Amino acid sequence: MKKLDIIGPYPPPYGGISVHIRRLREQLERAGYDFMLYTSSGKLQEKGKSVQRIQSLKKWLIKYLLSSKSKILHLNTGSDWRMRLCCGLLCFVRRKKLVITLHGNDISWPWVINDDERLKKEVNFKGKVIRELVIAVLKNASFIIADNPKLKELALSIGVKPTKIATVSAFIPPIVGQSDYDRIPQCIWNFYRNHKPVISANGSIAYYKNDDLYGVDLMIELVKRLKRKYPDIGLIFSLCGVREKRYYKELKDRIGRYGITENMLLVQEELPEVYPLYKKSDVFVRPTNTDGDAMSIREALYFKTPVVASDACPRPDGVVLFKNRDVQDFIEKTKKVLDNYEEYKSKANNLDPGNGFDRILEIYNELAR
């Protein structure tokens, strides 16, 4: 009998949750764990006995209801309340143990909490019914994994028992391989060769509360200012999507006006793994105006790269913080790291970003008994 089924996104495309699940799969296979991963990814390239694509959700639900033999179902998706309701029903009917992971700024929470300032939302009668059903699923789940303390607080506030929830980092270290380096385009390695120091970042072109979500505008100002002291400075921004195309054009125009086109590399190619960039960079920056437990920060720390990030949310120990959306503070903190690089590099060498897999495996083993 299979012990475990997992439902969640799988790369490509490469995002925080999909990469987390791919690494979870790799580690489970290494540990010899009996499991099956189900994904609705439309571009599934990696196939094998432990991963299957969901072609039709309705057909899959019926088949799973009738034939599944696993003890545990782990719903490891983003904010999909429909899937949570379906999995809650499946586990109730088949008497399975349900594990739910809550990631980042989980936007299904408006159905659960309506008095949180960042999640206020008008809901009609249908929405209120859904809200109560989602609460019931969360309260009756066998275990909830929250990837940051804020989500744990929200879950506790709707009645989830403290013994059935834990804050567990979504970061799982990669299995380092030469193939990951070989897949990095040569233009990126050329950029590293021609620039010093090099700063790296990742994210998309998007807004949150009418501000640049990933702080690309702040990074442009950073490079403009630091170029005065570091004329060969470079910044690599790995793009995982462009939601605001007009704004993206404005940003590129600004880069041109500032005369820093040669100092900034905006990478739009899909990279299966980004850790080779973090490892090669001198500093990693995360100027987001809202965030969860960013895997990219922990990954940079794992490879001993100093990190500068906004104080938009709790950050791991050792991260150099600047005031959210304060461009002057961002510049000053990053400059301080570069000006005193050996000191901050030495500190980074002694940091432990953690490994979420160990705790996740403990949860599986406890529920499988």
Protein backbone atom coordinates (compact mmCIF):
# COMPACT_ATOMS: atom_id res chain seq x y z
CA MET A 1 0.00 0.00 0.00
CA LYS A 2 1.27 3.47 -0.90
CA LYS A 3 1.76 5.60 2.18
CA LEU A 4 1.37 8.97 0.51
CA ASP A 5 -0.16 10.92 -2.37
CA ILE A 6 0.84 14.52 -3.12
CA ILE A 7 -1.10 17.04 -5.23
CA GLY A 8 0.62 20.19 -6.44
CA PRO A 9 2.24 22.11 -9.31
CA TYR A 10 5.36 20.71 -10.93
CA PRO A 11 7.84 22.53 -13.18
CA PRO A 12 7.81 23.86 -15.76
CA PRO A 13 6.86 26.61 -15.19
CA TYR A 14 9.43 27.21 -12.47
CA GLY A 15 7.97 28.94 -9.44
CA GLY A 16 8.52 28.76 -5.70
CA ILE A 17 5.92 26.05 -5.03
CA SER A 18 6.65 23.93 -8.11
CA VAL A 19 10.40 23.89 -7.39
CA HIS A 20 9.65 23.06 -3.73
CA ILE A 21 7.57 20.07 -4.86
CA ARG A 22 10.18 18.87 -7.33
CA ARG A 23 12.79 18.89 -4.58
CA LEU A 24 10.36 17.19 -2.21
CA ARG A 25 9.93 14.45 -4.80
CA GLU A 26 13.71 14.09 -5.22
CA GLN A 27 14.28 13.78 -1.49
CA LEU A 28 11.42 11.30 -1.01
CA GLU A 29 12.83 9.14 -3.78
CA ARG A 30 16.26 9.28 -2.15
CA ALA A 31 14.69 8.22 1.14
CA GLY A 32 12.94 5.30 -0.55
CA TYR A 33 9.50 6.62 0.43
CA ASP A 34 6.44 5.07 -1.19
CA PHE A 35 4.46 7.93 -2.77
CA MET A 36 2.75 9.28 -5.90
CA LEU A 37 2.77 12.89 -7.06
CA TYR A 38 -0.21 14.16 -9.06
CA THR A 39 0.10 17.42 -10.96
CA SER A 40 -1.98 19.41 -13.43
CA SER A 41 1.13 20.99 -14.94
CA GLY A 42 0.51 21.52 -18.63
CA LYS A 43 4.21 21.22 -19.51
CA LEU A 44 5.23 18.20 -17.48
CA GLN A 45 8.57 17.03 -18.88
CA GLU A 46 9.91 14.81 -16.11
CA LYS A 47 8.00 11.55 -16.00
CA GLY A 48 8.42 8.44 -13.94
CA LYS A 49 6.71 6.00 -11.68
CA SER A 50 6.35 8.61 -8.91
CA VAL A 51 4.66 11.42 -10.92
CA GLN A 52 1.49 11.51 -12.98
CA ARG A 53 -0.23 14.35 -14.78
CA ILE A 54 -3.89 15.12 -14.09
CA GLN A 55 -5.43 15.43 -17.56
CA SER A 56 -9.00 16.01 -16.42
CA LEU A 57 -9.68 17.02 -12.83
CA LYS A 58 -13.22 15.57 -12.81
CA LYS A 59 -12.07 12.21 -14.18
CA TRP A 60 -9.13 12.14 -11.81
CA LEU A 61 -11.33 12.87 -8.78
CA ILE A 62 -13.70 10.03 -9.66
CA LYS A 63 -10.86 7.59 -10.30
CA TYR A 64 -9.05 8.62 -7.13
CA LEU A 65 -12.22 8.30 -5.06
CA LEU A 66 -12.79 4.76 -6.31
CA SER A 67 -9.25 3.36 -6.45
CA SER A 68 -6.80 5.22 -4.21
CA LYS A 69 -5.12 3.09 -1.54
CA SER A 70 -2.80 5.60 0.12
CA LYS A 71 -3.04 6.50 3.80
CA ILE A 72 -2.16 10.18 3.43
CA LEU A 73 -3.13 12.86 0.92
CA HIS A 74 -0.93 15.96 0.96
CA LEU A 75 -2.45 19.00 -0.77
CA ASN A 76 0.58 21.15 -1.54
CA THR A 77 -0.81 23.84 -3.82
CA GLY A 78 -1.26 27.58 -3.79
CA SER A 79 -4.50 29.31 -2.88
CA ASP A 80 -7.02 26.99 -4.55
CA TRP A 81 -10.04 26.74 -2.25
CA ARG A 82 -11.89 24.49 -4.73
CA MET A 83 -9.17 21.87 -4.55
CA ARG A 84 -9.15 22.13 -0.77
CA LEU A 85 -12.86 21.42 -0.63
CA CYS A 86 -12.50 18.48 -3.05
CA CYS A 87 -9.61 16.97 -1.10
CA GLY A 88 -11.43 17.49 2.17
CA LEU A 89 -14.39 15.55 0.81
CA LEU A 90 -12.16 12.81 -0.67
CA CYS A 91 -10.40 12.26 2.64
CA PHE A 92 -13.67 12.27 4.58
CA VAL A 93 -15.25 9.64 2.32
CA ARG A 94 -12.14 7.44 2.03
CA ARG A 95 -11.00 7.99 5.64
CA LYS A 96 -7.62 9.32 4.60
CA LYS A 97 -5.38 11.62 6.56
CA LEU A 98 -5.24 15.06 4.95
CA VAL A 99 -2.18 17.31 5.09
CA ILE A 100 -2.51 20.86 3.75
CA THR A 101 0.40 23.20 3.10
CA LEU A 102 -0.25 26.94 3.20
CA HIS A 103 2.25 28.93 1.15
CA GLY A 104 3.29 32.57 1.15
CA ASN A 105 0.50 35.13 1.02
CA ASP A 106 -2.24 32.57 0.64
CA ILE A 107 -5.06 34.46 -1.10
CA SER A 108 -7.68 31.87 -0.25
CA TRP A 109 -7.66 33.41 3.22
CA PRO A 110 -10.27 36.06 2.28
CA TRP A 111 -12.74 33.17 2.48
CA VAL A 112 -11.57 32.54 6.02
CA ILE A 113 -10.50 35.84 7.56
CA ASN A 114 -12.14 39.09 6.48
CA ASP A 115 -10.82 41.50 9.10
CA ASP A 116 -7.15 41.28 8.15
CA GLU A 117 -6.26 44.59 6.47
CA ARG A 118 -4.41 43.10 3.52
CA LEU A 119 -7.12 40.55 2.89
CA LYS A 120 -10.33 42.58 3.22
CA LYS A 121 -12.88 41.52 0.66
CA GLU A 122 -16.62 41.76 0.15
CA VAL A 123 -18.20 38.33 0.09
CA ASN A 124 -21.74 37.43 -0.90
CA PHE A 125 -23.83 34.59 0.54
CA LYS A 126 -22.10 32.04 -1.69
CA GLY A 127 -18.75 33.33 -0.50
CA LYS A 128 -19.78 33.01 3.14
CA VAL A 129 -20.84 29.39 2.58
CA ILE A 130 -17.52 28.64 0.92
CA ARG A 131 -15.76 30.38 3.80
CA GLU A 132 -17.39 28.08 6.35
CA LEU A 133 -16.62 24.99 4.27
CA VAL A 134 -12.95 25.97 3.93
CA ILE A 135 -12.78 26.55 7.68
CA ALA A 136 -14.25 23.08 8.24
CA VAL A 137 -11.68 21.46 5.94
CA LEU A 138 -8.79 23.27 7.64
CA LYS A 139 -10.04 22.46 11.15
CA ASN A 140 -10.54 18.80 10.30
CA ALA A 141 -7.30 18.28 8.41
CA SER A 142 -4.93 15.81 10.06
CA PHE A 143 -2.11 18.34 9.87
CA ILE A 144 -1.44 21.80 8.44
CA ILE A 145 1.99 23.00 7.36
CA ALA A 146 2.32 26.79 7.30
CA ASP A 147 5.42 28.09 5.60
CA ASN A 148 5.46 31.31 7.65
CA PRO A 149 4.29 32.39 11.14
CA LYS A 150 1.57 34.72 9.80
CA LEU A 151 -0.29 31.85 8.16
CA LYS A 152 0.00 29.79 11.32
CA GLU A 153 -1.54 32.65 13.30
CA LEU A 154 -4.42 32.90 10.82
CA ALA A 155 -5.05 29.16 11.00
CA LEU A 156 -5.07 29.19 14.80
CA SER A 157 -7.48 32.13 14.77
CA ILE A 158 -10.14 30.07 12.97
CA GLY A 159 -9.89 27.17 15.39
CA VAL A 160 -7.15 24.90 14.09
CA LYS A 161 -5.69 23.05 17.08
CA PRO A 162 -2.11 24.03 17.98
CA THR A 163 -1.12 20.35 18.00
CA LYS A 164 -2.19 20.00 14.35
CA ILE A 165 -0.17 22.80 12.81
CA ALA A 166 3.50 23.71 12.50
CA THR A 167 5.53 26.40 10.78
CA VAL A 168 7.87 24.60 8.38
CA SER A 169 10.10 26.33 5.86
CA ALA A 170 9.31 25.48 2.24
CA PHE A 171 13.04 25.49 1.52
CA ILE A 172 14.51 22.14 0.58
CA PRO A 173 18.16 22.27 -0.55
CA PRO A 174 18.77 21.30 -4.16
CA ILE A 175 20.63 18.21 -5.21
CA VAL A 176 23.56 19.97 -6.85
CA GLY A 177 24.51 18.68 -10.29
CA GLN A 178 26.64 19.85 -13.21
CA SER A 179 23.62 19.66 -15.50
CA ASP A 180 22.05 22.61 -13.64
CA TYR A 181 25.11 24.71 -14.47
CA ASP A 182 25.15 23.51 -18.08
CA ARG A 183 21.56 24.73 -18.56
CA ILE A 184 22.44 28.31 -17.62
CA PRO A 185 22.71 30.36 -20.87
CA GLN A 186 26.23 31.41 -21.79
CA CYS A 187 25.20 35.08 -21.85
CA ILE A 188 24.71 34.89 -18.06
CA TRP A 189 28.19 33.47 -17.45
CA ASN A 190 29.57 36.18 -19.75
CA PHE A 191 27.78 38.79 -17.65
CA TYR A 192 29.44 37.46 -14.50
CA ARG A 193 32.82 37.52 -16.19
CA ASN A 194 32.43 41.16 -17.24
CA HIS A 195 30.96 42.59 -14.03
CA LYS A 196 32.07 42.90 -10.41
CA PRO A 197 30.39 42.93 -7.95
CA VAL A 198 27.31 41.06 -9.17
CA ILE A 199 23.95 41.24 -7.39
CA SER A 200 21.20 38.74 -8.13
CA ALA A 201 17.45 38.73 -7.58
CA ASN A 202 14.37 36.98 -8.89
CA GLY A 203 10.66 37.59 -9.30
CA SER A 204 8.14 38.91 -11.78
CA ILE A 205 6.93 42.24 -13.11
CA ALA A 206 3.81 42.75 -11.01
CA TYR A 207 2.04 45.17 -8.71
CA TYR A 208 0.89 44.76 -5.13
CA LYS A 209 -1.14 47.61 -3.64
CA ASN A 210 -0.12 49.84 -6.56
CA ASP A 211 3.61 49.33 -5.91
CA ASP A 212 6.22 47.21 -7.62
CA LEU A 213 5.81 43.83 -5.89
CA TYR A 214 9.38 42.65 -6.40
CA GLY A 215 10.97 46.08 -6.18
CA VAL A 216 12.48 46.15 -9.65
CA ASP A 217 12.18 49.94 -9.58
CA LEU A 218 14.26 49.97 -6.39
CA MET A 219 16.90 47.74 -7.97
CA ILE A 220 17.23 50.11 -10.92
CA GLU A 221 17.84 53.01 -8.53
CA LEU A 222 20.31 50.83 -6.62
CA VAL A 223 22.42 50.10 -9.69
CA LYS A 224 22.29 53.73 -10.82
CA ARG A 225 23.62 54.93 -7.47
CA LEU A 226 26.18 52.19 -6.81
CA LYS A 227 27.67 52.51 -10.28
CA ARG A 228 29.34 55.71 -9.10
CA LYS A 229 31.61 53.72 -6.77
CA TYR A 230 31.44 50.36 -8.55
CA PRO A 231 31.51 51.18 -12.30
CA ASP A 232 31.50 47.49 -13.28
CA ILE A 233 28.60 46.55 -11.00
CA GLY A 234 26.06 44.11 -12.44
CA LEU A 235 22.59 43.01 -11.42
CA ILE A 236 20.94 39.85 -12.74
CA PHE A 237 17.18 39.63 -12.35
CA SER A 238 15.68 36.22 -13.14
CA LEU A 239 12.16 36.81 -14.39
CA CYS A 240 9.48 34.23 -13.71
CA GLY A 241 6.73 36.19 -15.45
CA VAL A 242 5.60 39.57 -16.75
CA ARG A 243 2.11 40.42 -15.57
CA GLU A 244 2.38 44.16 -16.27
CA LYS A 245 3.73 44.52 -19.81
CA ARG A 246 3.34 48.31 -20.00
CA TYR A 247 5.16 48.75 -16.70
CA TYR A 248 7.90 46.39 -17.88
CA LYS A 249 8.49 48.65 -20.89
CA GLU A 250 8.63 51.69 -18.58
CA LEU A 251 11.26 49.96 -16.45
CA LYS A 252 13.40 49.09 -19.47
CA ASP A 253 13.09 52.67 -20.74
CA ARG A 254 14.25 53.91 -17.33
CA ILE A 255 17.25 51.60 -17.44
CA GLY A 256 18.17 53.10 -20.79
CA ARG A 257 17.75 56.70 -19.61
CA TYR A 258 19.97 56.01 -16.60
CA GLY A 259 22.72 54.61 -18.81
CA ILE A 260 22.87 51.29 -16.98
CA THR A 261 21.72 48.98 -19.78
CA GLU A 262 25.07 47.18 -19.69
CA ASN A 263 24.86 46.80 -15.92
CA MET A 264 21.49 45.04 -15.71
CA LEU A 265 20.57 41.67 -17.16
CA LEU A 266 16.87 40.77 -17.18
CA VAL A 267 16.68 37.02 -17.77
CA GLN A 268 13.40 35.85 -19.31
CA GLU A 269 14.49 32.31 -20.19
CA GLU A 270 13.06 29.60 -17.96
CA LEU A 271 15.84 28.28 -15.77
CA PRO A 272 15.24 24.82 -14.24
CA GLU A 273 17.41 25.82 -11.28
CA VAL A 274 18.51 29.32 -10.26
CA TYR A 275 20.86 28.33 -7.43
CA PRO A 276 23.98 28.51 -9.68
CA LEU A 277 23.30 32.26 -9.97
CA TYR A 278 22.88 32.77 -6.24
CA LYS A 279 26.06 30.81 -5.55
CA LYS A 280 28.05 32.83 -8.10
CA SER A 281 26.70 36.24 -6.98
CA ASP A 282 28.29 38.52 -4.42
CA VAL A 283 24.95 39.59 -2.92
CA PHE A 284 21.32 38.51 -3.25
CA VAL A 285 18.57 41.11 -2.80
CA ARG A 286 14.86 40.69 -2.10
CA PRO A 287 13.18 44.16 -2.11
CA THR A 288 9.60 42.82 -2.12
CA ASN A 289 6.81 44.92 -0.60
CA THR A 290 5.06 41.79 0.73
CA ASP A 291 6.31 38.25 1.04
CA GLY A 292 6.20 34.88 2.70
CA ASP A 293 9.13 32.69 3.66
CA ALA A 294 10.96 33.27 0.37
CA MET A 295 12.79 30.15 -0.79
CA SER A 296 15.22 32.27 -2.80
CA ILE A 297 16.49 33.96 0.38
CA ARG A 298 17.13 30.66 2.12
CA GLU A 299 18.72 29.28 -1.04
CA ALA A 300 21.15 32.20 -1.25
CA LEU A 301 21.99 31.74 2.44
CA TYR A 302 22.47 28.01 1.85
CA PHE A 303 25.17 28.86 -0.70
CA LYS A 304 26.74 31.38 1.73
CA THR A 305 25.76 34.50 -0.22
CA PRO A 306 24.93 37.63 1.85
CA VAL A 307 21.30 38.72 1.56
CA VAL A 308 19.71 42.18 1.74
CA ALA A 309 15.90 42.16 1.98
CA SER A 310 12.97 44.39 2.89
CA ASP A 311 11.39 44.16 6.33
CA ALA A 312 8.00 43.48 4.72
CA CYS A 313 7.77 40.24 6.73
CA PRO A 314 9.89 38.16 9.12
CA ARG A 315 13.15 37.09 7.46
CA PRO A 316 15.64 34.34 8.36
CA ASP A 317 18.46 35.10 10.79
CA GLY A 318 21.41 36.82 9.17
CA VAL A 319 19.49 38.75 6.51
CA VAL A 320 20.37 42.45 6.33
CA LEU A 321 17.06 44.31 6.52
CA PHE A 322 16.02 47.65 5.06
CA LYS A 323 12.80 49.59 5.53
CA ASN A 324 10.10 48.43 3.12
CA ARG A 325 9.95 50.58 -0.05
CA ASP A 326 12.62 52.95 1.28
CA VAL A 327 15.02 53.26 -1.65
CA GLN A 328 17.61 55.27 0.29
CA ASP A 329 17.76 52.67 3.07
CA PHE A 330 17.97 49.90 0.46
CA ILE A 331 20.93 51.58 -1.22
CA GLU A 332 22.71 52.30 2.06
CA LYS A 333 22.30 48.75 3.40
CA THR A 334 23.47 47.15 0.14
CA LYS A 335 26.41 49.54 -0.11
CA LYS A 336 27.38 48.73 3.47
CA VAL A 337 27.48 45.01 2.63
CA LEU A 338 29.62 45.62 -0.46
CA ASP A 339 31.94 48.06 1.32
CA ASN A 340 32.47 45.55 4.15
CA TYR A 341 32.15 42.43 2.07
CA GLU A 342 34.56 40.12 3.89
CA GLU A 343 32.75 40.77 7.18
CA TYR A 344 29.32 39.95 5.73
CA LYS A 345 30.62 37.00 3.73
CA SER A 346 32.12 35.57 6.92
CA LYS A 347 28.76 35.95 8.67
CA ALA A 348 26.97 34.23 5.78
CA ASN A 349 29.39 31.30 6.01
CA ASN A 350 28.14 30.59 9.54
CA LEU A 351 24.40 30.73 8.83
CA ASP A 352 22.07 27.74 8.65
CA PRO A 353 18.97 28.39 6.48
CA GLY A 354 17.32 25.15 7.60
CA ASN A 355 15.87 22.24 5.65
CA GLY A 356 12.11 21.83 5.57
CA PHE A 357 12.28 18.26 4.27
CA ASP A 358 13.34 16.73 7.58
CA ARG A 359 10.26 18.09 9.39
CA ILE A 360 7.92 17.22 6.51
CA LEU A 361 9.19 13.64 6.56
CA GLU A 362 8.59 13.48 10.32
CA ILE A 363 4.98 14.58 9.77
CA TYR A 364 4.45 11.89 7.11
CA ASN A 365 5.92 9.19 9.34
CA GLU A 366 3.82 10.23 12.35
CA LEU A 367 0.60 10.16 10.32
CA ALA A 368 1.46 6.88 8.59
CA ARG A 369 1.58 4.96 11.87
